[in-house]
Amino acid sequence: MPKKDAWRAFRLRCDRIDRKSERWLLLTFYALIILTVAIEVIRRFVLNYSSVWGEELARYAFIYLAWIAAAAAVRDRAHIRIDVLVNLGGPRMQRLAWWLSDIATLVLAVWALWLSVSPVLTSLEFGSLTPGLRLSQALFLMAIPIGFLLIASRVVQTMMGDIRRMRRGEPPFDGHKLFD
């Protein structure tokens, strides 16, 4: 019995980390963008001096922010969708619509992941650097494959959750609504 309790505690801790990790990453990148832009505005208009790296850092932080936010939206099923026809049907129709949507999203994410790895490998092969930060361009090109990997993993998690709900006889999770 203690082995089961330890396993359950471990799973709960992993679930908590899984739920909070994206939020903390989003908060970190958002704070980095705000801080960098604020510093650059002060430097430009108060000190009459601006850096080469400020705009570049804010841009790349925004790219990572966007991809992580896309994965979070997929996890919460909060992405933009038109669900009028789905809501006209019963739970069976809704489940089928969610499965088709999840499968299509997963196929797109895996395909885009496959396509986005090539530019990263090319950048690593030729050692390209960013103009301002003088860091490897591959570090920032990896935002796209990382984003699609996160999206694919979130779709799989959502599908597994739907299977658990279906076994319990519950309707599928239709996401967190921004407006009703």
Protein backbone atom coordinates (compact mmCIF):
# COMPACT_ATOMS: atom_id res chain seq x y z
CA MET A 1 0.00 0.00 0.00
CA PRO A 2 2.75 2.56 0.74
CA LYS A 3 4.12 1.93 -2.75
CA LYS A 4 0.77 3.01 -4.21
CA ASP A 5 0.72 6.15 -2.07
CA ALA A 6 4.24 7.06 -3.13
CA TRP A 7 3.33 6.55 -6.79
CA ARG A 8 0.19 8.65 -6.39
CA ALA A 9 2.16 11.45 -4.69
CA PHE A 10 4.72 11.33 -7.49
CA ARG A 11 1.98 11.53 -10.14
CA LEU A 12 0.29 14.44 -8.38
CA ARG A 13 3.61 16.30 -8.20
CA CYS A 14 4.26 15.64 -11.91
CA ASP A 15 0.74 16.83 -12.78
CA ARG A 16 1.27 20.02 -10.79
CA ILE A 17 4.59 20.67 -12.52
CA ASP A 18 2.96 19.89 -15.87
CA ARG A 19 0.15 22.38 -15.25
CA LYS A 20 2.35 25.16 -13.87
CA SER A 21 5.45 24.88 -16.09
CA GLU A 22 3.91 26.62 -19.08
CA ARG A 23 2.55 29.43 -16.92
CA TRP A 24 5.96 30.07 -15.38
CA LEU A 25 7.67 29.97 -18.76
CA LEU A 26 5.09 32.36 -20.19
CA LEU A 27 5.50 34.69 -17.24
CA THR A 28 9.30 34.58 -17.59
CA PHE A 29 9.28 35.38 -21.31
CA TYR A 30 6.64 38.07 -20.87
CA ALA A 31 8.65 39.71 -18.08
CA LEU A 32 11.79 39.50 -20.22
CA ILE A 33 10.02 41.27 -23.08
CA ILE A 34 8.65 44.02 -20.85
CA LEU A 35 11.96 44.54 -19.07
CA THR A 36 13.97 44.62 -22.29
CA VAL A 37 11.62 47.02 -24.06
CA ALA A 38 11.43 49.31 -21.01
CA ILE A 39 15.22 49.41 -20.71
CA GLU A 40 15.59 50.13 -24.41
CA VAL A 41 13.01 52.94 -24.31
CA ILE A 42 14.81 54.55 -21.37
CA ARG A 43 18.18 54.11 -23.05
CA ARG A 44 16.97 55.53 -26.35
CA PHE A 45 14.99 58.55 -25.13
CA VAL A 46 16.78 59.44 -21.89
CA LEU A 47 20.38 58.47 -22.61
CA ASN A 48 20.26 58.90 -26.41
CA TYR A 49 21.83 55.49 -26.78
CA SER A 50 20.36 52.15 -27.78
CA SER A 51 21.78 48.67 -27.89
CA VAL A 52 21.99 46.31 -30.82
CA TRP A 53 20.78 43.35 -28.81
CA GLY A 54 17.65 44.78 -27.12
CA GLU A 55 15.23 44.57 -30.02
CA GLU A 56 16.56 41.16 -30.98
CA LEU A 57 16.18 39.74 -27.47
CA ALA A 58 12.60 41.01 -27.20
CA ARG A 59 11.73 39.57 -30.62
CA TYR A 60 13.10 36.09 -29.86
CA ALA A 61 11.48 36.07 -26.40
CA PHE A 62 8.17 36.91 -28.09
CA ILE A 63 8.59 34.02 -30.52
CA TYR A 64 9.14 31.56 -27.66
CA LEU A 65 6.22 33.13 -25.78
CA ALA A 66 3.91 32.63 -28.76
CA TRP A 67 4.79 28.95 -29.22
CA ILE A 68 4.47 28.11 -25.54
CA ALA A 69 1.15 29.98 -25.40
CA ALA A 70 -0.08 27.99 -28.42
CA ALA A 71 0.66 24.75 -26.57
CA ALA A 72 -1.12 26.05 -23.46
CA ALA A 73 -4.15 26.95 -25.58
CA VAL A 74 -4.21 23.44 -27.05
CA ARG A 75 -4.04 21.95 -23.55
CA ASP A 76 -7.00 24.03 -22.37
CA ARG A 77 -8.83 23.76 -25.70
CA ALA A 78 -8.91 27.54 -25.63
CA HIS A 79 -7.76 28.08 -29.21
CA ILE A 80 -10.00 29.80 -31.72
CA ARG A 81 -12.70 27.55 -33.10
CA ILE A 82 -16.17 27.63 -34.56
CA ASP A 83 -18.24 25.10 -32.67
CA VAL A 84 -21.83 25.97 -33.58
CA LEU A 85 -22.41 22.72 -35.47
CA VAL A 86 -20.69 20.65 -32.79
CA ASN A 87 -22.92 22.10 -30.08
CA LEU A 88 -26.05 21.19 -32.06
CA GLY A 89 -25.23 17.51 -31.76
CA GLY A 90 -25.29 15.35 -28.68
CA PRO A 91 -22.34 14.09 -26.62
CA ARG A 92 -21.53 11.44 -29.20
CA MET A 93 -21.28 14.02 -32.00
CA GLN A 94 -19.19 16.29 -29.79
CA ARG A 95 -16.80 13.45 -28.95
CA LEU A 96 -16.42 12.59 -32.64
CA ALA A 97 -15.81 16.24 -33.54
CA TRP A 98 -13.17 16.59 -30.82
CA TRP A 99 -11.45 13.40 -31.94
CA LEU A 100 -11.35 14.56 -35.57
CA SER A 101 -10.06 17.94 -34.47
CA ASP A 102 -7.41 16.41 -32.22
CA ILE A 103 -6.24 13.98 -34.89
CA ALA A 104 -6.00 16.78 -37.46
CA THR A 105 -4.06 18.96 -34.99
CA LEU A 106 -1.73 16.09 -34.13
CA VAL A 107 -1.04 15.33 -37.80
CA LEU A 108 -0.34 19.01 -38.50
CA ALA A 109 1.92 19.32 -35.44
CA VAL A 110 3.97 16.23 -36.30
CA TRP A 111 4.28 17.27 -39.94
CA ALA A 112 5.33 20.82 -39.00
CA LEU A 113 7.75 19.44 -36.40
CA TRP A 114 9.35 17.30 -39.09
CA LEU A 115 9.66 20.27 -41.47
CA SER A 116 10.98 22.66 -38.82
CA VAL A 117 13.95 20.52 -37.79
CA SER A 118 15.80 21.03 -41.09
CA PRO A 119 16.47 24.79 -40.65
CA VAL A 120 17.80 24.14 -37.14
CA LEU A 121 20.19 21.48 -38.43
CA THR A 122 21.30 23.73 -41.29
CA SER A 123 21.98 26.57 -38.85
CA LEU A 124 24.00 24.25 -36.63
CA GLU A 125 25.93 22.92 -39.63
CA PHE A 126 26.95 26.35 -40.88
CA GLY A 127 27.29 28.00 -37.46
CA SER A 128 25.11 31.01 -38.20
CA LEU A 129 24.96 33.69 -35.51
CA THR A 130 22.38 36.35 -34.72
CA PRO A 131 23.54 39.86 -35.65
CA GLY A 132 22.97 41.54 -32.27
CA LEU A 133 23.32 38.89 -29.61
CA ARG A 134 26.03 36.93 -31.44
CA LEU A 135 24.42 33.65 -30.33
CA SER A 136 23.74 30.63 -32.47
CA GLN A 137 20.73 31.20 -34.70
CA ALA A 138 19.75 27.57 -34.03
CA LEU A 139 18.89 28.50 -30.43
CA PHE A 140 16.10 30.72 -31.70
CA LEU A 141 15.10 28.57 -34.66
CA MET A 142 14.46 25.75 -32.18
CA ALA A 143 11.41 27.66 -30.90
CA ILE A 144 9.35 26.25 -33.77
CA PRO A 145 10.14 22.54 -33.31
CA ILE A 146 9.88 22.93 -29.53
CA GLY A 147 6.51 24.62 -29.96
CA PHE A 148 5.15 21.92 -32.24
CA LEU A 149 6.52 19.21 -29.94
CA LEU A 150 4.69 20.84 -27.02
CA ILE A 151 1.53 21.14 -29.10
CA ALA A 152 1.70 17.47 -30.13
CA SER A 153 2.26 16.35 -26.54
CA ARG A 154 -0.66 18.50 -25.32
CA VAL A 155 -2.95 17.04 -27.99
CA VAL A 156 -2.01 13.52 -26.90
CA GLN A 157 -2.67 14.47 -23.25
CA THR A 158 -6.06 15.89 -24.20
CA MET A 159 -6.95 12.76 -26.15
CA MET A 160 -5.95 10.57 -23.20
CA GLY A 161 -8.11 12.71 -20.91
CA ASP A 162 -11.03 12.29 -23.31
CA ILE A 163 -10.57 8.52 -23.20
CA ARG A 164 -10.66 8.59 -19.38
CA ARG A 165 -13.81 10.76 -19.45
CA MET A 166 -15.44 8.47 -21.98
CA ARG A 167 -14.75 5.41 -19.78
CA ARG A 168 -16.38 7.19 -16.83
CA GLY A 169 -19.37 8.12 -18.99
CA GLU A 170 -18.64 11.85 -18.87
CA PRO A 171 -18.94 14.21 -21.84
CA PRO A 172 -15.73 15.32 -23.56
CA PHE A 173 -13.85 18.32 -22.21
CA ASP A 174 -14.87 21.21 -24.43
CA GLY A 175 -12.29 23.67 -23.16
CA HIS A 176 -12.19 26.77 -21.08
CA LYS A 177 -14.42 29.41 -22.60
CA LEU A 178 -13.35 33.04 -22.72
CA PHE A 179 -16.90 34.22 -23.47
CA ASP A 180 -20.26 32.47 -23.11
